[in-house]
Amino acid sequence: MFATGIRASELCNIKLSDIDFETQILSIKGKGNKERLSVINNPHVISALTNYLSTRPITSSLFFFKNRIGKQISSQSVRFFIKALGKTVLNKLVTPHMVRHTFATLLLEEGVDITYIKSFLGHASISTTQIYAASTTYKQRQILTALHPRNRIRVARE
């Protein structure tokens, strides 16, 4: 989820045929059954996905991620897993949407154009994506500290 910014429901609906490991392309079915493509080129993510695939129980299910009885995982199971992982690793509450929000916020802080982030998240409107831009002040603080002209003005002492 963190590698792509996908929603929990989108993660649950990934089918085996939606991931092309050769081209590193993931086809995501978003809200309103709209399809978008995402690149998965982080070697750790690819390794985790291929390792999972090699240990995934063989069933007739077309879905990539399956639960312990071989059926498609549910959004509720994803929420439960993320919550448990957050509590174990970070000792705080983490939700799937927080993972998505962090994905978008960190890309913004790295200077990625908001129109690309809109595309990654599958938003229909840029105004939805701008919510993430309004929530980050870290990058603004860095820019103003390093680049504001006032920081180069010396005060004359009398």
N, C-alpha and C. Protein backbone atom coordinates (compact mmCIF):
# COMPACT_ATOMS: atom_id res chain seq x y z
N MET A 1 0.83 -1.20 0.00
CA MET A 1 0.00 0.00 0.00
C MET A 1 0.87 1.25 0.00
N PHE A 2 1.93 1.22 0.78
CA PHE A 2 2.79 2.40 0.86
C PHE A 2 3.56 2.62 -0.44
N ALA A 3 3.85 1.56 -1.18
CA ALA A 3 4.59 1.69 -2.43
C ALA A 3 3.76 2.33 -3.53
N THR A 4 2.43 2.21 -3.45
CA THR A 4 1.58 2.68 -4.53
C THR A 4 0.54 3.72 -4.10
N GLY A 5 0.24 3.78 -2.82
CA GLY A 5 -0.80 4.69 -2.34
C GLY A 5 -2.20 4.19 -2.58
N ILE A 6 -2.36 2.90 -2.86
CA ILE A 6 -3.70 2.39 -3.16
C ILE A 6 -4.56 2.29 -1.92
N ARG A 7 -5.87 2.31 -2.15
CA ARG A 7 -6.86 2.16 -1.08
C ARG A 7 -6.90 0.68 -0.65
N ALA A 8 -7.39 0.45 0.56
CA ALA A 8 -7.52 -0.93 1.06
C ALA A 8 -8.40 -1.76 0.14
N SER A 9 -9.51 -1.19 -0.32
CA SER A 9 -10.42 -1.93 -1.20
C SER A 9 -9.73 -2.27 -2.53
N GLU A 10 -8.88 -1.37 -3.02
CA GLU A 10 -8.16 -1.62 -4.26
C GLU A 10 -7.15 -2.75 -4.08
N LEU A 11 -6.50 -2.78 -2.93
CA LEU A 11 -5.55 -3.84 -2.61
C LEU A 11 -6.25 -5.20 -2.61
N CYS A 12 -7.42 -5.24 -2.00
CA CYS A 12 -8.17 -6.50 -1.92
C CYS A 12 -8.60 -7.01 -3.28
N ASN A 13 -8.81 -6.11 -4.22
CA ASN A 13 -9.32 -6.49 -5.54
C ASN A 13 -8.23 -6.77 -6.58
N ILE A 14 -6.96 -6.73 -6.18
CA ILE A 14 -5.88 -7.05 -7.12
C ILE A 14 -5.97 -8.52 -7.50
N LYS A 15 -5.97 -8.77 -8.79
CA LYS A 15 -6.00 -10.15 -9.30
C LYS A 15 -4.59 -10.53 -9.75
N LEU A 16 -4.36 -11.82 -9.85
CA LEU A 16 -3.06 -12.31 -10.31
C LEU A 16 -2.68 -11.68 -11.65
N SER A 17 -3.65 -11.50 -12.52
CA SER A 17 -3.38 -10.95 -13.85
C SER A 17 -3.14 -9.44 -13.84
N ASP A 18 -3.35 -8.77 -12.70
CA ASP A 18 -3.16 -7.32 -12.61
C ASP A 18 -1.70 -6.92 -12.39
N ILE A 19 -0.85 -7.87 -12.02
CA ILE A 19 0.56 -7.56 -11.77
C ILE A 19 1.42 -8.20 -12.84
N ASP A 20 2.22 -7.37 -13.50
CA ASP A 20 3.18 -7.86 -14.49
C ASP A 20 4.57 -7.61 -13.90
N PHE A 21 5.19 -8.66 -13.41
CA PHE A 21 6.50 -8.52 -12.77
C PHE A 21 7.59 -8.16 -13.77
N GLU A 22 7.42 -8.53 -15.01
CA GLU A 22 8.42 -8.21 -16.03
C GLU A 22 8.47 -6.70 -16.31
N THR A 23 7.30 -6.10 -16.49
CA THR A 23 7.25 -4.65 -16.76
C THR A 23 7.12 -3.83 -15.48
N GLN A 24 6.88 -4.51 -14.36
CA GLN A 24 6.70 -3.87 -13.04
C GLN A 24 5.50 -2.92 -13.03
N ILE A 25 4.44 -3.35 -13.70
CA ILE A 25 3.22 -2.55 -13.80
C ILE A 25 2.10 -3.25 -13.05
N LEU A 26 1.37 -2.47 -12.25
CA LEU A 26 0.20 -2.95 -11.53
C LEU A 26 -1.02 -2.23 -12.08
N SER A 27 -2.02 -2.99 -12.47
CA SER A 27 -3.28 -2.42 -12.92
C SER A 27 -4.21 -2.35 -11.71
N ILE A 28 -4.69 -1.15 -11.39
CA ILE A 28 -5.52 -0.94 -10.21
C ILE A 28 -6.93 -0.57 -10.65
N LYS A 29 -7.90 -1.26 -10.09
CA LYS A 29 -9.30 -0.92 -10.34
C LYS A 29 -9.74 -0.03 -9.17
N GLY A 30 -9.98 1.24 -9.47
CA GLY A 30 -10.30 2.21 -8.42
C GLY A 30 -11.79 2.44 -8.26
N LYS A 31 -12.11 3.54 -7.62
CA LYS A 31 -13.51 3.92 -7.42
C LYS A 31 -14.20 4.05 -8.76
N GLY A 32 -15.45 3.63 -8.81
CA GLY A 32 -16.20 3.71 -10.06
C GLY A 32 -15.66 2.76 -11.12
N ASN A 33 -14.91 1.74 -10.67
CA ASN A 33 -14.30 0.74 -11.55
C ASN A 33 -13.37 1.36 -12.59
N LYS A 34 -12.83 2.55 -12.26
CA LYS A 34 -11.86 3.18 -13.16
C LYS A 34 -10.52 2.48 -12.99
N GLU A 35 -9.84 2.27 -14.11
CA GLU A 35 -8.55 1.59 -14.08
C GLU A 35 -7.42 2.60 -14.21
N ARG A 36 -6.37 2.39 -13.42
CA ARG A 36 -5.16 3.18 -13.56
C ARG A 36 -3.97 2.24 -13.41
N LEU A 37 -2.85 2.67 -13.92
CA LEU A 37 -1.64 1.85 -13.86
C LEU A 37 -0.68 2.46 -12.86
N SER A 38 0.02 1.61 -12.16
CA SER A 38 1.03 2.06 -11.20
C SER A 38 2.30 1.25 -11.42
N VAL A 39 3.42 1.91 -11.26
CA VAL A 39 4.71 1.24 -11.39
C VAL A 39 5.14 0.75 -10.02
N ILE A 40 5.57 -0.49 -9.97
CA ILE A 40 6.14 -1.03 -8.73
C ILE A 40 7.58 -1.39 -9.07
N ASN A 41 8.50 -0.48 -8.74
CA ASN A 41 9.89 -0.75 -9.12
C ASN A 41 10.86 -0.76 -7.94
N ASN A 42 10.30 -0.74 -6.72
CA ASN A 42 11.17 -0.85 -5.56
C ASN A 42 11.57 -2.32 -5.39
N PRO A 43 12.87 -2.61 -5.36
CA PRO A 43 13.30 -4.02 -5.29
C PRO A 43 12.79 -4.76 -4.05
N HIS A 44 12.63 -4.06 -2.92
CA HIS A 44 12.14 -4.71 -1.70
C HIS A 44 10.67 -5.09 -1.83
N VAL A 45 9.90 -4.22 -2.47
CA VAL A 45 8.47 -4.49 -2.68
C VAL A 45 8.32 -5.65 -3.66
N ILE A 46 9.07 -5.62 -4.75
CA ILE A 46 9.00 -6.71 -5.74
C ILE A 46 9.40 -8.03 -5.09
N SER A 47 10.44 -8.00 -4.29
CA SER A 47 10.89 -9.21 -3.60
C SER A 47 9.80 -9.73 -2.65
N ALA A 48 9.19 -8.84 -1.89
CA ALA A 48 8.13 -9.25 -0.96
C ALA A 48 6.95 -9.86 -1.72
N LEU A 49 6.58 -9.24 -2.84
CA LEU A 49 5.44 -9.75 -3.63
C LEU A 49 5.76 -11.12 -4.26
N THR A 50 6.96 -11.26 -4.79
CA THR A 50 7.31 -12.56 -5.40
C THR A 50 7.46 -13.64 -4.33
N ASN A 51 8.00 -13.29 -3.16
CA ASN A 51 8.09 -14.26 -2.07
C ASN A 51 6.70 -14.69 -1.62
N TYR A 52 5.79 -13.71 -1.49
CA TYR A 52 4.41 -14.03 -1.11
C TYR A 52 3.79 -14.96 -2.15
N LEU A 53 3.99 -14.63 -3.41
CA LEU A 53 3.40 -15.41 -4.49
C LEU A 53 3.91 -16.86 -4.46
N SER A 54 5.19 -17.04 -4.13
CA SER A 54 5.75 -18.39 -4.10
C SER A 54 5.23 -19.21 -2.92
N THR A 55 4.73 -18.56 -1.88
CA THR A 55 4.20 -19.29 -0.72
C THR A 55 2.68 -19.26 -0.66
N ARG A 56 2.06 -18.52 -1.57
CA ARG A 56 0.60 -18.38 -1.61
C ARG A 56 -0.03 -19.73 -1.88
N PRO A 57 -1.03 -20.09 -1.08
CA PRO A 57 -1.70 -21.37 -1.32
C PRO A 57 -2.33 -21.41 -2.71
N ILE A 58 -2.25 -22.56 -3.34
CA ILE A 58 -2.83 -22.71 -4.67
C ILE A 58 -4.33 -22.99 -4.52
N THR A 59 -5.12 -22.11 -5.08
CA THR A 59 -6.58 -22.29 -5.09
C THR A 59 -7.08 -21.80 -6.44
N SER A 60 -8.37 -21.87 -6.61
CA SER A 60 -8.96 -21.39 -7.86
C SER A 60 -9.19 -19.88 -7.84
N SER A 61 -8.88 -19.23 -6.73
CA SER A 61 -9.10 -17.79 -6.60
C SER A 61 -8.21 -17.02 -7.57
N LEU A 62 -8.79 -16.05 -8.24
CA LEU A 62 -8.04 -15.19 -9.16
C LEU A 62 -7.37 -14.03 -8.44
N PHE A 63 -7.70 -13.83 -7.18
CA PHE A 63 -7.18 -12.69 -6.43
C PHE A 63 -5.77 -12.96 -5.94
N PHE A 64 -4.96 -11.92 -5.97
CA PHE A 64 -3.55 -12.04 -5.59
C PHE A 64 -3.42 -12.33 -4.09
N PHE A 65 -4.09 -11.51 -3.26
CA PHE A 65 -3.99 -11.68 -1.81
C PHE A 65 -5.18 -12.49 -1.31
N LYS A 66 -4.87 -13.54 -0.56
CA LYS A 66 -5.92 -14.41 -0.06
C LYS A 66 -5.80 -14.54 1.45
N ASN A 67 -6.93 -14.87 2.07
CA ASN A 67 -6.94 -15.08 3.52
C ASN A 67 -6.54 -16.52 3.84
N ARG A 68 -6.61 -16.87 5.09
CA ARG A 68 -6.12 -18.18 5.52
C ARG A 68 -6.94 -19.35 4.97
N ILE A 69 -8.16 -19.09 4.49
CA ILE A 69 -8.96 -20.17 3.92
C ILE A 69 -8.97 -20.12 2.38
N GLY A 70 -8.08 -19.30 1.82
CA GLY A 70 -7.90 -19.28 0.37
C GLY A 70 -8.86 -18.38 -0.39
N LYS A 71 -9.61 -17.57 0.32
CA LYS A 71 -10.55 -16.64 -0.32
C LYS A 71 -9.93 -15.25 -0.41
N GLN A 72 -10.55 -14.39 -1.21
CA GLN A 72 -10.11 -13.00 -1.35
C GLN A 72 -10.08 -12.33 0.02
N ILE A 73 -8.99 -11.58 0.30
CA ILE A 73 -8.95 -10.87 1.58
C ILE A 73 -9.97 -9.74 1.57
N SER A 74 -10.40 -9.35 2.75
CA SER A 74 -11.40 -8.29 2.87
C SER A 74 -10.73 -6.99 3.32
N SER A 75 -11.42 -5.89 3.08
CA SER A 75 -10.92 -4.59 3.54
C SER A 75 -10.78 -4.60 5.06
N GLN A 76 -11.69 -5.28 5.73
CA GLN A 76 -11.63 -5.37 7.19
C GLN A 76 -10.36 -6.07 7.64
N SER A 77 -9.96 -7.15 6.93
CA SER A 77 -8.72 -7.83 7.31
C SER A 77 -7.50 -6.95 7.09
N VAL A 78 -7.53 -6.15 6.01
CA VAL A 78 -6.43 -5.22 5.75
C VAL A 78 -6.36 -4.19 6.87
N ARG A 79 -7.50 -3.63 7.25
CA ARG A 79 -7.52 -2.66 8.35
C ARG A 79 -7.00 -3.27 9.65
N PHE A 80 -7.42 -4.48 9.94
CA PHE A 80 -6.97 -5.17 11.15
C PHE A 80 -5.46 -5.39 11.11
N PHE A 81 -4.94 -5.86 9.96
CA PHE A 81 -3.52 -6.12 9.81
C PHE A 81 -2.70 -4.84 9.98
N ILE A 82 -3.12 -3.76 9.32
CA ILE A 82 -2.40 -2.48 9.40
C ILE A 82 -2.43 -1.95 10.83
N LYS A 83 -3.58 -2.08 11.48
CA LYS A 83 -3.71 -1.62 12.87
C LYS A 83 -2.76 -2.41 13.78
N ALA A 84 -2.72 -3.74 13.63
CA ALA A 84 -1.85 -4.58 14.45
C ALA A 84 -0.38 -4.29 14.17
N LEU A 85 -0.04 -4.10 12.89
CA LEU A 85 1.34 -3.80 12.52
C LEU A 85 1.78 -2.45 13.10
N GLY A 86 0.90 -1.45 13.00
CA GLY A 86 1.20 -0.14 13.56
C GLY A 86 1.43 -0.18 15.05
N LYS A 87 0.59 -0.95 15.72
CA LYS A 87 0.71 -1.07 17.19
C LYS A 87 2.01 -1.77 17.57
N THR A 88 2.37 -2.82 16.81
CA THR A 88 3.58 -3.59 17.10
C THR A 88 4.85 -2.81 16.76
N VAL A 89 4.88 -2.21 15.58
CA VAL A 89 6.11 -1.58 15.10
C VAL A 89 6.25 -0.14 15.61
N LEU A 90 5.17 0.63 15.56
CA LEU A 90 5.24 2.05 15.91
C LEU A 90 4.64 2.39 17.27
N ASN A 91 3.97 1.40 17.86
CA ASN A 91 3.28 1.59 19.13
C ASN A 91 2.24 2.72 19.05
N LYS A 92 1.54 2.79 17.90
CA LYS A 92 0.47 3.76 17.75
C LYS A 92 -0.54 3.27 16.73
N LEU A 93 -1.69 3.91 16.73
CA LEU A 93 -2.76 3.54 15.81
C LEU A 93 -2.38 3.94 14.38
N VAL A 94 -2.49 3.00 13.46
CA VAL A 94 -2.26 3.27 12.05
C VAL A 94 -3.44 2.67 11.28
N THR A 95 -3.94 3.42 10.32
CA THR A 95 -5.03 2.95 9.48
C THR A 95 -4.55 2.88 8.03
N PRO A 96 -5.25 2.13 7.18
CA PRO A 96 -4.87 2.11 5.77
C PRO A 96 -4.87 3.51 5.14
N HIS A 97 -5.82 4.35 5.53
CA HIS A 97 -5.85 5.69 4.95
C HIS A 97 -4.65 6.51 5.41
N MET A 98 -4.17 6.28 6.62
CA MET A 98 -2.96 6.97 7.08
C MET A 98 -1.76 6.57 6.23
N VAL A 99 -1.70 5.32 5.80
CA VAL A 99 -0.62 4.87 4.93
C VAL A 99 -0.71 5.61 3.59
N ARG A 100 -1.92 5.70 3.06
CA ARG A 100 -2.15 6.42 1.79
C ARG A 100 -1.81 7.90 1.94
N HIS A 101 -2.22 8.48 3.04
CA HIS A 101 -1.95 9.89 3.30
C HIS A 101 -0.44 10.13 3.42
N THR A 102 0.25 9.25 4.10
CA THR A 102 1.71 9.37 4.25
C THR A 102 2.40 9.26 2.89
N PHE A 103 1.95 8.33 2.07
CA PHE A 103 2.47 8.19 0.70
C PHE A 103 2.40 9.52 -0.03
N ALA A 104 1.22 10.14 -0.02
CA ALA A 104 1.01 11.40 -0.75
C ALA A 104 1.81 12.54 -0.12
N THR A 105 1.79 12.65 1.19
CA THR A 105 2.48 13.74 1.88
C THR A 105 3.99 13.69 1.66
N LEU A 106 4.56 12.50 1.76
CA LEU A 106 6.01 12.38 1.58
C LEU A 106 6.43 12.69 0.14
N LEU A 107 5.61 12.30 -0.83
CA LEU A 107 5.92 12.66 -2.21
C LEU A 107 5.87 14.17 -2.40
N LEU A 108 4.86 14.80 -1.81
CA LEU A 108 4.77 16.27 -1.88
C LEU A 108 6.00 16.92 -1.25
N GLU A 109 6.42 16.41 -0.11
CA GLU A 109 7.57 16.97 0.59
C GLU A 109 8.87 16.77 -0.20
N GLU A 110 8.88 15.77 -1.07
CA GLU A 110 10.05 15.54 -1.92
C GLU A 110 9.99 16.38 -3.19
N GLY A 111 8.90 17.15 -3.36
CA GLY A 111 8.80 18.04 -4.49
C GLY A 111 8.09 17.47 -5.71
N VAL A 112 7.42 16.34 -5.56
CA VAL A 112 6.69 15.75 -6.69
C VAL A 112 5.48 16.63 -7.00
N ASP A 113 5.28 16.91 -8.27
CA ASP A 113 4.16 17.73 -8.72
C ASP A 113 2.84 17.09 -8.31
N ILE A 114 1.92 17.91 -7.83
CA ILE A 114 0.65 17.42 -7.31
C ILE A 114 -0.19 16.70 -8.37
N THR A 115 0.00 17.05 -9.63
CA THR A 115 -0.76 16.37 -10.68
C THR A 115 -0.34 14.90 -10.82
N TYR A 116 0.94 14.60 -10.57
CA TYR A 116 1.39 13.21 -10.58
C TYR A 116 0.78 12.47 -9.38
N ILE A 117 0.78 13.12 -8.23
CA ILE A 117 0.22 12.50 -7.03
C ILE A 117 -1.26 12.23 -7.22
N LYS A 118 -1.96 13.16 -7.87
CA LYS A 118 -3.39 12.97 -8.20
C LYS A 118 -3.55 11.68 -9.00
N SER A 119 -2.69 11.49 -9.97
CA SER A 119 -2.74 10.31 -10.82
C SER A 119 -2.43 9.03 -10.02
N PHE A 120 -1.39 9.08 -9.17
CA PHE A 120 -1.04 7.92 -8.35
C PHE A 120 -2.21 7.50 -7.46
N LEU A 121 -2.89 8.48 -6.88
CA LEU A 121 -3.97 8.20 -5.93
C LEU A 121 -5.29 7.85 -6.61
N GLY A 122 -5.39 8.14 -7.90
CA GLY A 122 -6.62 7.85 -8.62
C GLY A 122 -7.73 8.84 -8.33
N HIS A 123 -7.37 10.07 -7.99
CA HIS A 123 -8.36 11.10 -7.74
C HIS A 123 -8.92 11.63 -9.05
N ALA A 124 -10.21 11.88 -9.07
CA ALA A 124 -10.84 12.46 -10.26
C ALA A 124 -10.57 13.96 -10.34
N SER A 125 -10.44 14.59 -9.18
CA SER A 125 -10.28 16.04 -9.12
C SER A 125 -9.02 16.42 -8.36
N ILE A 126 -8.33 17.43 -8.86
CA ILE A 126 -7.12 17.92 -8.19
C ILE A 126 -7.45 18.50 -6.82
N SER A 127 -8.68 18.98 -6.64
CA SER A 127 -9.06 19.57 -5.35
C SER A 127 -9.03 18.52 -4.24
N THR A 128 -9.30 17.27 -4.57
CA THR A 128 -9.21 16.20 -3.57
C THR A 128 -7.76 16.00 -3.16
N THR A 129 -6.86 16.04 -4.11
CA THR A 129 -5.44 15.84 -3.83
C THR A 129 -4.86 17.02 -3.05
N GLN A 130 -5.38 18.22 -3.27
CA GLN A 130 -4.86 19.41 -2.60
C GLN A 130 -5.04 19.36 -1.09
N ILE A 131 -5.92 18.51 -0.61
CA ILE A 131 -6.08 18.31 0.83
C ILE A 131 -4.75 17.86 1.43
N TYR A 132 -4.03 17.00 0.70
CA TYR A 132 -2.73 16.53 1.19
C TYR A 132 -1.70 17.66 1.19
N ALA A 133 -1.77 18.52 0.20
CA ALA A 133 -0.83 19.64 0.11
C ALA A 133 -1.03 20.61 1.27
N ALA A 134 -2.27 20.82 1.67
CA ALA A 134 -2.56 21.76 2.75
C ALA A 134 -2.11 21.22 4.10
N SER A 135 -1.96 19.90 4.18
CA SER A 135 -1.67 19.32 5.49
C SER A 135 -0.18 19.26 5.83
N THR A 136 0.69 19.60 4.91
CA THR A 136 2.11 19.48 5.19
C THR A 136 2.78 20.85 5.33
N THR A 137 3.48 21.02 6.44
CA THR A 137 4.23 22.26 6.66
C THR A 137 5.73 21.99 6.76
N TYR A 138 6.09 20.73 6.84
CA TYR A 138 7.50 20.37 6.99
C TYR A 138 8.33 20.92 5.84
N LYS A 139 7.89 20.68 4.61
CA LYS A 139 8.64 21.14 3.44
C LYS A 139 8.65 22.67 3.39
N GLN A 140 7.53 23.29 3.73
CA GLN A 140 7.48 24.75 3.75
C GLN A 140 8.52 25.31 4.73
N ARG A 141 8.62 24.69 5.89
CA ARG A 141 9.59 25.13 6.89
C ARG A 141 11.02 25.00 6.35
N GLN A 142 11.31 23.88 5.71
CA GLN A 142 12.64 23.66 5.13
C GLN A 142 12.97 24.72 4.09
N ILE A 143 12.03 24.99 3.20
CA ILE A 143 12.25 25.96 2.13
C ILE A 143 12.48 27.36 2.70
N LEU A 144 11.62 27.77 3.62
CA LEU A 144 11.75 29.11 4.17
C LEU A 144 13.02 29.28 4.99
N THR A 145 13.41 28.23 5.70
CA THR A 145 14.65 28.30 6.49
C THR A 145 15.87 28.42 5.56
N ALA A 146 15.87 27.68 4.50
CA ALA A 146 17.03 27.65 3.61
C ALA A 146 17.04 28.76 2.57
N LEU A 147 15.87 29.19 2.10
CA LEU A 147 15.86 30.03 0.91
C LEU A 147 15.21 31.40 1.05
N HIS A 148 14.57 31.69 2.15
CA HIS A 148 13.90 33.00 2.26
C HIS A 148 14.95 34.12 2.24
N PRO A 149 14.74 35.14 1.41
CA PRO A 149 15.72 36.23 1.29
C PRO A 149 16.00 36.95 2.61
N ARG A 150 15.03 36.98 3.49
CA ARG A 150 15.20 37.67 4.78
C ARG A 150 16.35 37.07 5.58
N ASN A 151 16.62 35.79 5.35
CA ASN A 151 17.70 35.14 6.09
C ASN A 151 19.09 35.62 5.67
N ARG A 152 19.19 36.32 4.52
CA ARG A 152 20.48 36.83 4.05
C ARG A 152 20.69 38.31 4.42
N ILE A 153 19.66 38.92 4.96
CA ILE A 153 19.77 40.34 5.30
C ILE A 153 20.42 40.48 6.66
N ARG A 154 21.45 41.28 6.70
CA ARG A 154 22.13 41.50 7.97
C ARG A 154 21.62 42.77 8.60
N VAL A 155 21.45 42.75 9.86
CA VAL A 155 20.97 43.92 10.59
C VAL A 155 22.18 44.77 10.98
N ALA A 156 22.14 46.07 10.62
CA ALA A 156 23.23 47.00 10.97
C ALA A 156 23.11 47.35 12.44
N ARG A 157 24.23 47.30 13.12
CA ARG A 157 24.24 47.67 14.53
C ARG A 157 24.83 49.07 14.68
N GLU A 158 24.22 49.86 15.50
CA GLU A 158 24.71 51.23 15.70
C GLU A 158 25.53 51.37 16.94
